[in-house]
Amino acid sequence: MAGGIRDSAGDELAETHEINVTPFIDVMLVLLIIFMVAAPLATVDVPVDLPASTAAARERPDAPVYLSVTEDLSLLLDDSDVTRDGLAAALAARTGGDRDARIFLRADQAVAYGDLMAVMNLLQRAGYLKVALVGIETLPGAQP
């Protein structure tokens, strides 16, 4: 209660030194609403169309280990069928237990990204961390 109030003797009462925070709260609420509306607009989902690789082909090892994922999500180690549960044992037999051997992973074009990642997780759990993705070699500037 500022200004104009006098006591019975006619002297002014002591001034109060309080900040009125109501305007600050109003401004903060308006800024909060603005940021709540603007934040979802800043994160727009963009469809990703990954390009074909034009990297130079690396020299192939003498006895490469190919793991293929077919369209029906079955696994082939080189040319023989292997189950997901038996993948670790089959890889250990094929590589002689060498966990540093590079595994060449081939997948049908119809295989979903999530299914390919599941196979890569199987390889990681089996201890094989060196995985090379095999694709069709294209010339630079050529359409895939």
Protein backbone atom coordinates (compact mmCIF):
# COMPACT_ATOMS: atom_id res chain seq x y z
CA MET A 1 0.00 0.00 0.00
CA ALA A 2 2.12 2.77 -1.24
CA GLY A 3 1.58 6.49 -1.09
CA GLY A 4 -1.04 8.73 0.42
CA ILE A 5 -1.69 6.98 3.72
CA ARG A 6 -1.00 9.08 6.76
CA ASP A 7 -1.15 8.22 10.36
CA SER A 8 -3.24 10.20 12.84
CA ALA A 9 -0.43 12.66 13.52
CA GLY A 10 -0.14 13.60 9.85
CA ASP A 11 3.28 12.05 9.20
CA GLU A 12 3.76 9.67 6.26
CA LEU A 13 4.18 6.00 7.00
CA ALA A 14 7.43 4.24 6.11
CA GLU A 15 7.77 3.20 2.47
CA THR A 16 7.59 -0.48 1.59
CA HIS A 17 10.40 -1.85 -0.55
CA GLU A 18 8.77 -4.78 -2.32
CA ILE A 19 9.02 -5.63 -6.00
CA ASN A 20 5.79 -6.38 -7.74
CA VAL A 21 6.56 -9.73 -9.44
CA THR A 22 3.23 -10.10 -11.23
CA PRO A 23 4.46 -8.50 -14.51
CA PHE A 24 7.56 -10.72 -14.47
CA ILE A 25 5.42 -13.84 -14.05
CA ASP A 26 3.20 -12.73 -16.93
CA VAL A 27 6.23 -12.26 -19.20
CA MET A 28 7.65 -15.65 -18.22
CA LEU A 29 4.34 -17.39 -18.95
CA VAL A 30 4.16 -15.76 -22.38
CA LEU A 31 7.75 -16.85 -23.14
CA LEU A 32 6.94 -20.37 -21.95
CA ILE A 33 3.99 -20.58 -24.33
CA ILE A 34 6.09 -19.25 -27.23
CA PHE A 35 8.81 -21.86 -26.61
CA MET A 36 6.27 -24.65 -26.20
CA VAL A 37 4.83 -23.82 -29.61
CA ALA A 38 8.19 -23.23 -31.33
CA ALA A 39 10.07 -26.28 -29.98
CA PRO A 40 8.13 -28.95 -31.92
CA LEU A 41 8.54 -26.94 -35.11
CA ALA A 42 12.34 -27.02 -34.71
CA THR A 43 12.47 -30.83 -34.83
CA VAL A 44 10.98 -31.79 -38.16
CA ASP A 45 11.14 -35.39 -39.33
CA VAL A 46 13.04 -35.55 -42.60
CA PRO A 47 12.80 -38.64 -44.81
CA VAL A 48 16.26 -40.02 -45.52
CA ASP A 49 17.16 -41.37 -48.94
CA LEU A 50 20.60 -42.88 -48.48
CA PRO A 51 22.89 -42.76 -51.53
CA ALA A 52 24.71 -45.70 -53.05
CA SER A 53 28.34 -46.07 -52.10
CA THR A 54 30.92 -44.92 -54.63
CA ALA A 55 33.87 -45.80 -52.39
CA ALA A 56 36.69 -47.72 -53.97
CA ALA A 57 36.47 -51.45 -53.37
CA ARG A 58 38.93 -52.80 -50.84
CA GLU A 59 41.06 -55.85 -51.48
CA ARG A 60 39.15 -59.01 -50.63
CA PRO A 61 40.77 -61.40 -48.14
CA ASP A 62 41.79 -64.90 -49.20
CA ALA A 63 38.93 -66.61 -47.37
CA PRO A 64 36.17 -64.06 -46.64
CA VAL A 65 33.39 -64.97 -44.23
CA TYR A 66 30.03 -64.00 -45.72
CA LEU A 67 26.89 -63.80 -43.62
CA SER A 68 23.81 -63.29 -45.77
CA VAL A 69 20.32 -62.24 -44.72
CA THR A 70 17.74 -63.36 -47.26
CA GLU A 71 14.38 -61.77 -48.01
CA ASP A 72 12.61 -64.21 -45.65
CA LEU A 73 15.13 -63.26 -42.89
CA SER A 74 16.92 -66.60 -42.88
CA LEU A 75 20.69 -66.55 -42.32
CA LEU A 76 23.33 -68.13 -44.55
CA LEU A 77 26.93 -68.45 -43.41
CA ASP A 78 28.80 -68.65 -46.70
CA ASP A 79 26.47 -71.15 -48.47
CA SER A 80 25.05 -73.08 -45.53
CA ASP A 81 21.92 -72.30 -43.51
CA VAL A 82 22.43 -71.30 -39.90
CA THR A 83 19.94 -70.53 -37.14
CA ARG A 84 20.11 -67.37 -35.07
CA ASP A 85 20.80 -69.42 -31.94
CA GLY A 86 23.60 -71.34 -33.66
CA LEU A 87 25.21 -68.31 -35.32
CA ALA A 88 27.88 -67.76 -32.65
CA ALA A 89 29.01 -71.41 -32.73
CA ALA A 90 28.99 -71.53 -36.54
CA LEU A 91 31.07 -68.32 -36.75
CA ALA A 92 33.54 -69.64 -34.18
CA ALA A 93 33.94 -72.85 -36.19
CA ARG A 94 34.30 -70.95 -39.49
CA THR A 95 36.82 -68.39 -38.18
CA GLY A 96 38.69 -70.76 -35.88
CA GLY A 97 37.66 -68.69 -32.86
CA ASP A 98 39.30 -65.53 -34.22
CA ARG A 99 37.03 -62.71 -32.97
CA ASP A 100 39.06 -60.15 -34.97
CA ALA A 101 38.04 -61.72 -38.29
CA ARG A 102 36.04 -59.38 -40.50
CA ILE A 103 32.49 -60.60 -41.24
CA PHE A 104 31.07 -59.50 -44.60
CA LEU A 105 27.35 -58.90 -44.10
CA ARG A 106 25.09 -59.11 -47.16
CA ALA A 107 21.38 -58.42 -47.01
CA ASP A 108 18.59 -58.56 -49.54
CA GLN A 109 17.28 -55.14 -50.53
CA ALA A 110 13.85 -56.04 -49.10
CA VAL A 111 15.24 -56.63 -45.59
CA ALA A 112 14.09 -53.93 -43.19
CA TYR A 113 16.67 -51.81 -41.40
CA GLY A 114 15.53 -53.07 -37.99
CA ASP A 115 15.98 -56.69 -39.05
CA LEU A 116 19.50 -55.94 -40.31
CA MET A 117 20.33 -54.25 -37.01
CA ALA A 118 19.08 -57.34 -35.15
CA VAL A 119 21.56 -59.48 -37.10
CA MET A 120 24.34 -57.00 -36.35
CA ASN A 121 23.43 -57.23 -32.65
CA LEU A 122 23.76 -61.02 -32.88
CA LEU A 123 27.24 -60.56 -34.34
CA GLN A 124 28.16 -58.16 -31.56
CA ARG A 125 26.93 -60.54 -28.85
CA ALA A 126 28.98 -63.31 -30.47
CA GLY A 127 32.07 -61.07 -30.14
CA TYR A 128 32.54 -60.16 -33.80
CA LEU A 129 32.89 -56.38 -33.93
CA LYS A 130 34.48 -56.02 -37.36
CA VAL A 131 31.55 -56.07 -39.75
CA ALA A 132 31.70 -54.94 -43.38
CA LEU A 133 28.50 -54.21 -45.27
CA VAL A 134 28.55 -55.56 -48.80
CA GLY A 135 26.79 -53.65 -51.55
CA ILE A 136 26.72 -53.34 -55.30
CA GLU A 137 29.65 -51.38 -56.61
CA THR A 138 28.62 -48.34 -58.62
CA LEU A 139 30.70 -45.88 -60.56
CA PRO A 140 30.91 -42.29 -59.29
CA GLY A 141 28.13 -40.23 -60.83
CA ALA A 142 26.15 -43.29 -61.94
CA GLN A 143 22.57 -43.78 -60.79
CA PRO A 144 22.04 -46.90 -58.60
